Each structure stands twice: as C-alpha cells, then as structure tokens.
Amino acid sequence: MKLIIATFLINLVQQSFGHGYLQSPAARNSMWRFGFKTPANYNDNELFCGGATVMNMNNGGRCGVCGDPWHVKDQPHMDGGRYGSRIITKTYTKGQIVDLEILLTTSHMGYFEIRIGDFSSTRTSGDSIGKLNGELLQLVTGGTQFRVTERGRFLYKYQVRLPSDLTCERCVLQWWYRGGNNWGCEGGKCGMGLGPQEHFVNCADVKIV
C-alpha cells in the first residue's frame, strides 16, 4: 500500500509537462498565431489547469473552464480576461461537420472531448469540475472520445458534428484533454491512465447560423 501511494504522489509531482492547443477553430489562447489582433500568449500550449498537482491535489480535481487554474480569481482566458475577448474565430452552420485541428508537442496519450454551448448573452460557464455547460459532441466516426495514439509532436485532425438545432451569435467550443500516462487507481483497479491525470483545456468562440 505504501508503494502504491508513493508511486501515485511521484506521478503527480513529477509531471512531464506535455503541451498542446486547439488551433482550428483558434482557441482564445492561440488566436494571435493565426492573424487575430489579440495579445500574444507565449505559453498558449500550457493551459493545464495549473498542472496535475494543482488540479488534483490542491483544487480537488477542478479546472477553470478555459484551462486556467480553478482557484485563480481573475482567470485570463475567461470572458473579460486578457485573452477572453469574445472574438469569433469561425462561423459554422447548424448540423455541420466541423474539422478540428489540435497540435500536441508532447503526448500524454489519453483522449480528447469537445463540448459546445450557447453563450451569446451570458458568460462562459462550466460544471463543478470545469467541463463546459453545453453539449458533448459526437465524433463523425462514433462516440465522444477521440483517443490519442501518437507519442511526441503530432497534429491531430478529426471531425465532430454540430447539433442540428443549435444556432448562436456566440457559442463557446471547449477542448477537454484528459491525459493517460500517469499511474493511478479508480473503481477498485490500478494501472496506467487510471485515477487523477493531467488535463489541458482550451476555449474557442464561434458562431453558428
């Protein structure tokens, strides 16, 4: 038991600091890379909720909705923050198949999820752990989780389908990446990818007509 606990703590403290961001549609943190006149965020690939230790041990598994540490009062990637400009980076049509591009410079394995919600007249918000208040989108190939299979730097391209009944002046699309290369326990089982993991979260502002 002592060995299990020690290994768990080491995995949380000795993070491998993988990096990545949502580049299409361009996330709030990375818009400056794609021609938008927004402040440059040179750490735009490090929106990891403060890191695994901060998220899972200090903040009880909670993350800011757009990747900032949950406990920070004025989160720079939320509405009104330094990078929360509400600028629309893509316009889609309802029910459209959306091409996503996500760049990982270091892989943590695990999986991606994409959520979308209408925040035309309200502030971006999430549930008790930071997942966007909105709809979990389906992959065109089925299911809701896109598995990360490559190690090292890789540009992931895949497709999700927008809801057929959703239009908005401003929707927020959230990329939620749960890593899977830390050893942990959950549901009575222990192994790689189980238990608390490092997360990366980005938000992009889009319009649906």
Protein backbone atom coordinates (compact mmCIF):
# COMPACT_ATOMS: atom_id res chain seq x y z
CA MET A 1 0.00 0.00 0.00
CA LYS A 2 2.83 2.43 0.86
CA LEU A 3 4.43 1.71 -2.51
CA ILE A 4 1.14 2.42 -4.30
CA ILE A 5 0.69 5.75 -2.52
CA ALA A 6 4.30 6.76 -3.12
CA THR A 7 4.08 5.95 -6.82
CA PHE A 8 0.84 7.93 -7.11
CA LEU A 9 2.39 11.00 -5.50
CA ILE A 10 5.52 10.80 -7.63
CA ASN A 11 3.40 10.70 -10.78
CA LEU A 12 1.57 13.84 -9.68
CA VAL A 13 4.64 15.79 -8.65
CA GLN A 14 6.96 14.74 -11.46
CA GLN A 15 4.82 15.94 -14.35
CA SER A 16 6.19 15.56 -17.83
CA PHE A 17 4.66 18.88 -18.88
CA GLY A 18 3.23 17.94 -22.22
CA HIS A 19 1.99 20.77 -24.38
CA GLY A 20 -0.78 21.38 -26.86
CA TYR A 21 -3.53 23.69 -28.06
CA LEU A 22 -6.63 23.87 -30.22
CA GLN A 23 -5.63 25.59 -33.46
CA SER A 24 -8.81 25.18 -35.53
CA PRO A 25 -11.04 26.75 -34.55
CA ALA A 26 -8.41 29.01 -32.99
CA ALA A 27 -8.61 28.96 -29.20
CA ARG A 28 -8.55 32.16 -27.15
CA ASN A 29 -5.00 31.45 -26.04
CA SER A 30 -3.71 30.88 -29.60
CA MET A 31 -5.65 33.37 -31.75
CA TRP A 32 -2.58 35.58 -32.05
CA ARG A 33 -0.84 32.83 -34.02
CA PHE A 34 -3.49 32.94 -36.75
CA GLY A 35 -3.77 36.63 -37.63
CA PHE A 36 -6.14 37.86 -34.94
CA LYS A 37 -5.21 41.13 -33.25
CA THR A 38 -5.16 39.75 -29.74
CA PRO A 39 -2.43 39.74 -27.08
CA ALA A 40 0.29 37.18 -27.68
CA ASN A 41 0.31 34.33 -25.18
CA TYR A 42 3.70 32.66 -25.49
CA ASN A 43 2.59 29.96 -23.05
CA ASP A 44 -0.55 29.16 -25.04
CA ASN A 45 0.30 25.46 -25.10
CA GLU A 46 0.37 25.22 -21.30
CA LEU A 47 -3.27 25.63 -20.29
CA PHE A 48 -3.16 22.59 -18.00
CA CYS A 49 -5.33 23.79 -15.09
CA GLY A 50 -2.22 24.73 -13.14
CA GLY A 51 -0.71 21.26 -13.56
CA ALA A 52 -1.70 17.84 -12.26
CA THR A 53 -0.68 18.57 -8.67
CA VAL A 54 -2.57 21.87 -8.51
CA MET A 55 -5.69 20.49 -10.20
CA ASN A 56 -5.93 17.12 -8.48
CA MET A 57 -4.43 17.72 -5.05
CA ASN A 58 -4.95 21.43 -4.34
CA ASN A 59 -8.18 22.07 -6.26
CA GLY A 60 -9.99 18.76 -5.80
CA GLY A 61 -9.95 17.77 -9.47
CA ARG A 62 -11.35 21.10 -10.66
CA CYS A 63 -10.16 23.22 -13.58
CA GLY A 64 -11.05 26.63 -14.93
CA VAL A 65 -13.46 26.26 -17.85
CA CYS A 66 -10.87 27.56 -20.32
CA GLY A 67 -7.78 25.94 -18.79
CA ASP A 68 -6.75 28.39 -16.07
CA PRO A 69 -6.17 27.11 -12.52
CA TRP A 70 -9.57 26.80 -10.84
CA HIS A 71 -8.58 28.77 -7.74
CA VAL A 72 -7.43 31.90 -9.60
CA LYS A 73 -9.98 34.67 -9.12
CA ASP A 74 -9.38 36.64 -12.33
CA GLN A 75 -8.79 33.94 -14.93
CA PRO A 76 -7.10 35.41 -18.04
CA HIS A 77 -8.80 33.06 -20.51
CA MET A 78 -12.34 33.60 -19.23
CA ASP A 79 -14.70 36.28 -20.55
CA GLY A 80 -13.31 39.70 -19.73
CA GLY A 81 -9.82 38.36 -19.06
CA ARG A 82 -6.73 39.31 -21.01
CA TYR A 83 -7.44 36.64 -23.66
CA GLY A 84 -11.23 36.41 -23.21
CA SER A 85 -12.09 38.93 -25.95
CA ARG A 86 -15.21 37.10 -27.28
CA ILE A 87 -13.82 37.45 -30.83
CA ILE A 88 -15.41 34.92 -33.19
CA THR A 89 -12.77 32.76 -34.88
CA LYS A 90 -15.01 30.54 -37.05
CA THR A 91 -18.56 30.60 -38.39
CA TYR A 92 -20.41 27.33 -38.96
CA THR A 93 -23.90 26.21 -39.97
CA LYS A 94 -26.14 24.17 -37.68
CA GLY A 95 -25.59 20.45 -38.03
CA GLN A 96 -22.31 20.99 -39.89
CA ILE A 97 -19.43 18.55 -39.71
CA VAL A 98 -16.56 20.50 -38.15
CA ASP A 99 -12.92 19.88 -38.96
CA LEU A 100 -10.83 20.15 -35.80
CA GLU A 101 -7.07 20.62 -35.58
CA ILE A 102 -5.21 20.09 -32.31
CA LEU A 103 -1.45 20.33 -32.04
CA LEU A 104 0.30 18.31 -29.36
CA THR A 105 4.02 18.92 -28.98
CA THR A 106 4.29 16.25 -26.29
CA SER A 107 1.74 13.46 -25.98
CA HIS A 108 0.15 12.35 -22.73
CA MET A 109 -1.91 9.69 -24.51
CA GLY A 110 -5.47 9.71 -23.10
CA TYR A 111 -8.34 11.26 -25.05
CA PHE A 112 -10.00 14.49 -26.27
CA GLU A 113 -13.60 15.58 -25.76
CA ILE A 114 -15.33 18.55 -27.41
CA ARG A 115 -18.25 20.45 -25.90
CA ILE A 116 -20.22 23.40 -27.22
CA GLY A 117 -22.70 25.77 -25.62
CA ASP A 118 -24.59 28.97 -26.45
CA PHE A 119 -23.19 31.93 -24.52
CA SER A 120 -24.48 34.70 -26.78
CA SER A 121 -25.84 36.69 -23.84
CA THR A 122 -24.16 35.04 -20.86
CA ARG A 123 -20.67 34.43 -19.53
CA THR A 124 -18.85 31.20 -20.29
CA SER A 125 -19.57 28.71 -17.52
CA GLY A 126 -18.98 25.08 -16.62
CA ASP A 127 -19.96 22.34 -14.21
CA SER A 128 -18.43 21.57 -10.82
CA ILE A 129 -15.12 20.35 -12.31
CA GLY A 130 -14.86 22.76 -15.23
CA LYS A 131 -16.49 20.94 -18.14
CA LEU A 132 -18.37 23.46 -20.29
CA ASN A 133 -22.10 23.83 -19.73
CA GLY A 134 -23.21 22.61 -23.12
CA GLU A 135 -23.47 19.57 -25.34
CA LEU A 136 -20.81 16.87 -25.65
CA LEU A 137 -20.25 16.49 -29.39
CA GLN A 138 -20.24 13.22 -31.26
CA LEU A 139 -17.34 12.18 -33.46
CA VAL A 140 -18.31 11.55 -37.07
CA THR A 141 -16.84 8.08 -36.59
CA GLY A 142 -18.98 7.46 -33.50
CA GLY A 143 -18.58 8.01 -29.78
CA THR A 144 -17.46 11.15 -27.98
CA GLN A 145 -13.84 10.44 -27.06
CA PHE A 146 -11.00 10.81 -29.56
CA ARG A 147 -8.11 8.62 -28.44
CA VAL A 148 -4.56 9.96 -28.59
CA THR A 149 -2.37 7.31 -30.20
CA GLU A 150 0.86 9.07 -31.20
CA ARG A 151 3.77 9.95 -28.94
CA GLY A 152 5.73 13.15 -29.39
CA ARG A 153 4.74 16.06 -31.61
CA PHE A 154 1.67 15.42 -33.75
CA LEU A 155 -1.10 17.45 -35.42
CA TYR A 156 -4.42 15.71 -34.86
CA LYS A 157 -7.19 16.28 -37.39
CA TYR A 158 -10.63 14.81 -36.87
CA GLN A 159 -14.31 15.68 -37.21
CA VAL A 160 -17.30 16.25 -34.94
CA ARG A 161 -20.89 17.06 -35.83
CA LEU A 162 -22.65 20.16 -34.53
CA PRO A 163 -26.19 19.87 -33.13
CA SER A 164 -28.86 20.24 -35.81
CA ASP A 165 -30.92 22.63 -33.69
CA LEU A 166 -28.21 24.98 -32.37
CA THR A 167 -27.64 28.49 -33.70
CA CYS A 168 -25.87 31.26 -31.80
CA GLU A 169 -24.23 34.63 -32.15
CA ARG A 170 -21.53 33.33 -29.83
CA CYS A 171 -21.06 29.72 -28.91
CA VAL A 172 -18.08 28.53 -26.91
CA LEU A 173 -16.36 25.35 -28.06
CA GLN A 174 -14.29 23.65 -25.36
CA TRP A 175 -11.44 21.22 -25.97
CA TRP A 176 -11.02 18.95 -22.95
CA TYR A 177 -7.93 16.73 -23.00
CA ARG A 178 -7.55 14.14 -20.27
CA GLY A 179 -4.08 12.61 -20.34
CA GLY A 180 -3.48 8.93 -19.75
CA ASN A 181 0.19 8.38 -18.97
CA ASN A 182 0.12 8.63 -15.17
CA TRP A 183 -0.31 5.57 -12.98
CA GLY A 184 -3.25 5.65 -10.56
CA CYS A 185 -6.28 3.89 -9.13
CA GLU A 186 -10.04 4.18 -9.61
CA GLY A 187 -13.04 1.90 -9.25
CA GLY A 188 -11.01 -0.70 -7.39
CA LYS A 189 -8.48 -1.01 -10.20
CA CYS A 190 -4.97 0.40 -10.56
CA GLY A 191 -2.90 0.98 -13.67
CA MET A 192 -1.63 3.44 -16.26
CA GLY A 193 -4.22 6.04 -17.20
CA LEU A 194 -6.43 5.42 -14.17
CA GLY A 195 -7.07 7.88 -11.37
CA PRO A 196 -6.11 11.58 -11.46
CA GLN A 197 -4.44 12.69 -14.68
CA GLU A 198 -3.07 15.89 -16.18
CA HIS A 199 -5.60 17.89 -18.21
CA PHE A 200 -5.39 20.51 -20.94
CA VAL A 201 -8.38 22.75 -21.68
CA ASN A 202 -8.96 25.45 -24.33
CA CYS A 203 -11.95 27.58 -25.36
CA ALA A 204 -12.75 28.96 -28.81
CA ASP A 205 -15.52 31.45 -29.61
CA VAL A 206 -17.54 30.54 -32.72
CA LYS A 207 -20.80 31.48 -34.42
CA ILE A 208 -23.42 29.05 -35.75
CA VAL A 209 -26.02 30.17 -38.32
